[in-house]
Amino acid sequence: MPYNLLTILGPTASGKTSIAAQLAKDLNGEIISADSRQVYRGMDIGTGKDLIEFQNHNVKYHLIDIIEPSEEYNLFRFTKDFECAFESIIGKGKLPIMVGGTGLYISAILQSYNLPTIVNEAASEDLNALSISQLKKMLIKSKPKLHNLTDLKSKDRLIKAIIIERTRKKNGVSFSNLQSLNIGIGAEREETKRRITERLKQRLSAGMIDEVEAL
């Protein structure tokens, strides 16, 4: 098929994991998780790591259990980790299958978010000498269609937003060589609510409270 990525997305408890596992087995694929919490070790019950689904189908998975809860994980790290996993899977002649999960993570990949690395202490010092009013004007001029209004509420956020915008225009690089076939799983609202309630009961019975206390 004319795609190099298969994306499975849908609401909580819609059956994404089991569908992805079966497709990975049938299509010689490997899973890339797009879940912002399943990256953490020890968050197994609460985040719903249904790894048994992948193990039963003998399917390899990526970006699950990769860091400790004490570490920080963010969108930038995810895009870099996704790219490494994607290239590794493609290099083996297999099909990457992204499953999620976290909407922003999925969107960042499918819409090729441009997330430059920000390392510019000198620029930060220069901007810090300006007033909040001056910084606001500078940011709005640089980015007229500003959607993240929280960037206007503190000097530190204003400075960071300005540096990001400058870097983006200068040398930002996006991961845009993807052709994804996207499969969205639909589910009736009442059925979804029933499944979520049942899943929560199962997780509580399985020891979710003990897991949280341990964390």
Protein backbone atom coordinates (compact mmCIF):
# COMPACT_ATOMS: atom_id res chain seq x y z
CA MET A 1 0.00 0.00 0.00
CA PRO A 2 1.18 3.60 -0.60
CA TYR A 3 1.67 4.26 3.13
CA ASN A 4 4.63 3.96 5.47
CA LEU A 5 2.63 4.37 8.68
CA LEU A 6 -0.63 3.01 10.04
CA THR A 7 -2.30 5.07 12.79
CA ILE A 8 -4.98 3.67 15.08
CA LEU A 9 -6.80 6.27 17.17
CA GLY A 10 -10.00 6.52 19.13
CA PRO A 11 -11.52 7.26 22.54
CA THR A 12 -10.60 5.52 25.76
CA ALA A 13 -11.78 1.90 25.97
CA SER A 14 -12.59 1.70 22.26
CA GLY A 15 -10.40 -1.36 21.67
CA LYS A 16 -7.43 0.33 19.99
CA THR A 17 -4.82 -1.92 21.54
CA SER A 18 -6.35 -5.24 20.53
CA ILE A 19 -7.01 -4.02 16.97
CA ALA A 20 -3.47 -2.68 16.64
CA ALA A 21 -1.98 -5.93 17.96
CA GLN A 22 -3.94 -8.01 15.45
CA LEU A 23 -3.03 -5.71 12.55
CA ALA A 24 0.64 -5.73 13.56
CA LYS A 25 0.60 -9.51 13.45
CA ASP A 26 -1.25 -9.67 10.11
CA LEU A 27 0.76 -6.90 8.40
CA ASN A 28 4.26 -7.67 9.77
CA GLY A 29 4.25 -4.51 11.85
CA GLU A 30 5.56 -3.12 15.12
CA ILE A 31 3.73 -0.85 17.55
CA ILE A 32 4.71 2.73 18.40
CA SER A 33 2.74 3.92 21.42
CA ALA A 34 1.53 7.53 21.37
CA ASP A 35 0.52 7.60 25.02
CA SER A 36 2.05 10.32 27.19
CA ARG A 37 1.77 8.22 30.38
CA GLN A 38 2.68 4.74 29.23
CA VAL A 39 6.24 5.94 28.67
CA TYR A 40 6.68 5.77 32.47
CA ARG A 41 7.82 2.61 34.22
CA GLY A 42 5.67 1.57 37.15
CA MET A 43 2.51 3.21 35.83
CA ASP A 44 1.07 -0.06 34.59
CA ILE A 45 -2.45 -0.52 35.93
CA GLY A 46 -3.51 3.13 35.95
CA THR A 47 -2.39 3.81 32.39
CA GLY A 48 -3.81 0.56 31.02
CA LYS A 49 -0.68 -1.02 29.59
CA ASP A 50 -2.32 -3.97 27.88
CA LEU A 51 1.04 -5.44 26.98
CA ILE A 52 -0.41 -8.95 27.08
CA GLU A 53 -2.18 -8.09 23.80
CA PHE A 54 1.16 -7.47 22.09
CA GLN A 55 2.87 -10.40 23.78
CA ASN A 56 0.13 -12.85 22.81
CA HIS A 57 0.55 -11.84 19.16
CA ASN A 58 4.37 -11.83 19.44
CA VAL A 59 4.42 -8.16 18.40
CA LYS A 60 7.25 -5.80 19.33
CA TYR A 61 6.33 -2.40 20.80
CA HIS A 62 8.13 0.92 21.26
CA LEU A 63 7.88 3.96 23.60
CA ILE A 64 6.37 2.05 26.52
CA ASP A 65 8.30 1.78 29.82
CA ILE A 66 11.19 3.91 28.59
CA ILE A 67 11.72 6.36 31.50
CA GLU A 68 11.34 6.61 35.27
CA PRO A 69 8.46 8.61 36.83
CA SER A 70 11.05 11.05 38.23
CA GLU A 71 12.05 12.10 34.71
CA GLU A 72 10.34 14.72 32.57
CA TYR A 73 8.83 13.68 29.27
CA ASN A 74 7.34 16.07 26.74
CA LEU A 75 6.18 16.49 23.17
CA PHE A 76 9.65 17.31 21.87
CA ARG A 77 11.13 14.12 23.33
CA PHE A 78 8.25 12.10 21.95
CA THR A 79 8.75 13.33 18.38
CA LYS A 80 12.44 12.45 18.55
CA ASP A 81 11.75 9.03 20.06
CA PHE A 82 9.04 8.40 17.48
CA GLU A 83 11.43 9.20 14.65
CA CYS A 84 14.03 6.76 16.00
CA ALA A 85 11.44 4.00 16.42
CA PHE A 86 9.94 4.70 12.98
CA GLU A 87 13.30 4.52 11.21
CA SER A 88 14.24 1.36 13.10
CA ILE A 89 11.00 -0.39 12.09
CA ILE A 90 11.22 0.74 8.45
CA GLY A 91 14.83 -0.37 8.38
CA LYS A 92 13.72 -3.92 9.22
CA GLY A 93 11.21 -3.89 6.37
CA LYS A 94 8.26 -3.77 8.75
CA LEU A 95 5.23 -1.48 9.05
CA PRO A 96 5.16 1.07 11.91
CA ILE A 97 1.75 1.17 13.61
CA MET A 98 1.14 4.19 15.86
CA VAL A 99 -1.50 3.68 18.54
CA GLY A 100 -2.93 6.40 20.74
CA GLY A 101 -3.57 7.67 23.02
CA THR A 102 -2.61 11.28 23.53
CA GLY A 103 -4.17 13.53 20.91
CA LEU A 104 -1.39 16.11 20.90
CA TYR A 105 1.25 13.43 20.34
CA ILE A 106 -0.66 11.97 17.40
CA SER A 107 -1.26 15.42 15.95
CA ALA A 108 2.42 16.33 16.23
CA ILE A 109 3.36 13.36 14.04
CA LEU A 110 0.55 13.44 11.50
CA GLN A 111 0.69 17.22 11.06
CA SER A 112 4.50 17.41 11.14
CA TYR A 113 4.86 19.85 14.02
CA ASN A 114 8.00 21.94 13.75
CA LEU A 115 9.71 21.67 17.16
CA PRO A 116 13.17 23.29 17.11
CA THR A 117 15.76 22.78 19.83
CA ILE A 118 16.08 25.93 21.93
CA VAL A 119 19.58 26.70 23.19
CA ASN A 120 20.16 30.46 23.18
CA GLU A 121 21.18 31.90 26.54
CA ALA A 122 22.51 35.14 25.04
CA ALA A 123 19.19 35.93 23.40
CA SER A 124 17.42 35.21 26.68
CA GLU A 125 19.62 37.72 28.52
CA ASP A 126 19.00 40.41 25.88
CA LEU A 127 15.25 39.91 25.96
CA ASN A 128 15.18 39.91 29.75
CA ALA A 129 16.24 43.56 29.68
CA LEU A 130 12.99 44.51 27.91
CA SER A 131 9.66 45.23 29.59
CA ILE A 132 6.68 42.87 29.44
CA SER A 133 4.89 45.37 27.21
CA GLN A 134 7.81 45.44 24.76
CA LEU A 135 8.03 41.65 24.76
CA LYS A 136 4.31 41.30 24.05
CA LYS A 137 4.56 43.61 21.03
CA MET A 138 7.61 41.71 19.78
CA LEU A 139 5.91 38.32 20.07
CA ILE A 140 2.67 39.44 18.43
CA LYS A 141 4.61 41.06 15.59
CA SER A 142 6.61 37.86 15.10
CA LYS A 143 3.55 35.63 15.40
CA PRO A 144 0.34 37.54 14.53
CA LYS A 145 -1.84 34.42 14.78
CA LEU A 146 -0.83 33.72 18.36
CA HIS A 147 -3.07 30.98 19.80
CA ASN A 148 -1.31 30.20 23.08
CA LEU A 149 -2.40 33.22 25.10
CA THR A 150 -0.74 31.87 28.24
CA ASP A 151 2.55 32.99 26.67
CA LEU A 152 1.46 36.58 27.35
CA LYS A 153 1.02 36.11 31.09
CA SER A 154 4.61 36.02 32.32
CA LYS A 155 7.94 37.41 31.26
CA ASP A 156 9.64 34.01 31.22
CA ARG A 157 6.97 32.55 28.91
CA LEU A 158 7.15 35.59 26.64
CA ILE A 159 10.91 35.29 26.30
CA LYS A 160 10.75 31.56 25.63
CA ALA A 161 7.99 32.00 23.04
CA ILE A 162 9.99 34.67 21.20
CA ILE A 163 13.14 32.53 21.12
CA ILE A 164 11.15 29.53 19.89
CA GLU A 165 9.61 31.57 17.09
CA ARG A 166 12.99 32.98 16.03
CA THR A 167 14.60 29.55 16.01
CA ARG A 168 11.67 28.03 14.15
CA LYS A 169 11.99 30.57 11.35
CA LYS A 170 15.76 30.22 11.21
CA ASN A 171 16.41 26.51 11.24
CA GLY A 172 13.43 24.51 12.41
CA VAL A 173 13.17 21.01 10.94
CA SER A 174 10.04 18.86 10.88
CA PHE A 175 9.60 15.16 10.36
CA SER A 176 7.37 15.25 7.30
CA ASN A 177 8.12 12.22 5.13
CA LEU A 178 5.13 10.28 6.45
CA GLN A 179 2.22 8.85 4.52
CA SER A 180 -0.16 7.60 7.16
CA LEU A 181 -3.31 5.56 6.78
CA ASN A 182 -5.44 6.71 9.71
CA ILE A 183 -8.07 4.45 11.22
CA GLY A 184 -10.38 6.11 13.74
CA ILE A 185 -12.43 3.79 15.92
CA GLY A 186 -15.97 5.04 16.47
CA ALA A 187 -17.95 4.15 19.56
CA GLU A 188 -21.35 5.07 20.93
CA ARG A 189 -21.08 7.46 23.87
CA GLU A 190 -23.10 5.33 26.28
CA GLU A 191 -21.17 2.19 25.34
CA THR A 192 -17.88 4.05 25.83
CA LYS A 193 -19.00 5.25 29.28
CA ARG A 194 -19.98 1.69 30.21
CA ARG A 195 -16.62 0.33 29.11
CA ILE A 196 -14.71 3.03 30.98
CA THR A 197 -16.65 2.34 34.17
CA GLU A 198 -16.02 -1.38 33.86
CA ARG A 199 -12.34 -0.80 33.13
CA LEU A 200 -11.98 1.43 36.19
CA LYS A 201 -13.54 -1.24 38.42
CA GLN A 202 -11.15 -3.83 36.99
CA ARG A 203 -8.14 -1.60 37.60
CA LEU A 204 -9.15 -0.87 41.18
CA SER A 205 -9.55 -4.59 41.80
CA ALA A 206 -6.16 -5.23 40.20
CA GLY A 207 -4.41 -2.93 42.69
CA MET A 208 -4.36 0.52 41.11
CA ILE A 209 -4.49 2.27 44.50
CA ASP A 210 -1.48 0.30 45.71
CA GLU A 211 0.34 1.23 42.50
CA VAL A 212 -0.31 4.94 43.06
CA GLU A 213 0.83 4.71 46.69
CA ALA A 214 4.03 2.99 45.58
CA LEU A 215 4.69 5.73 43.02
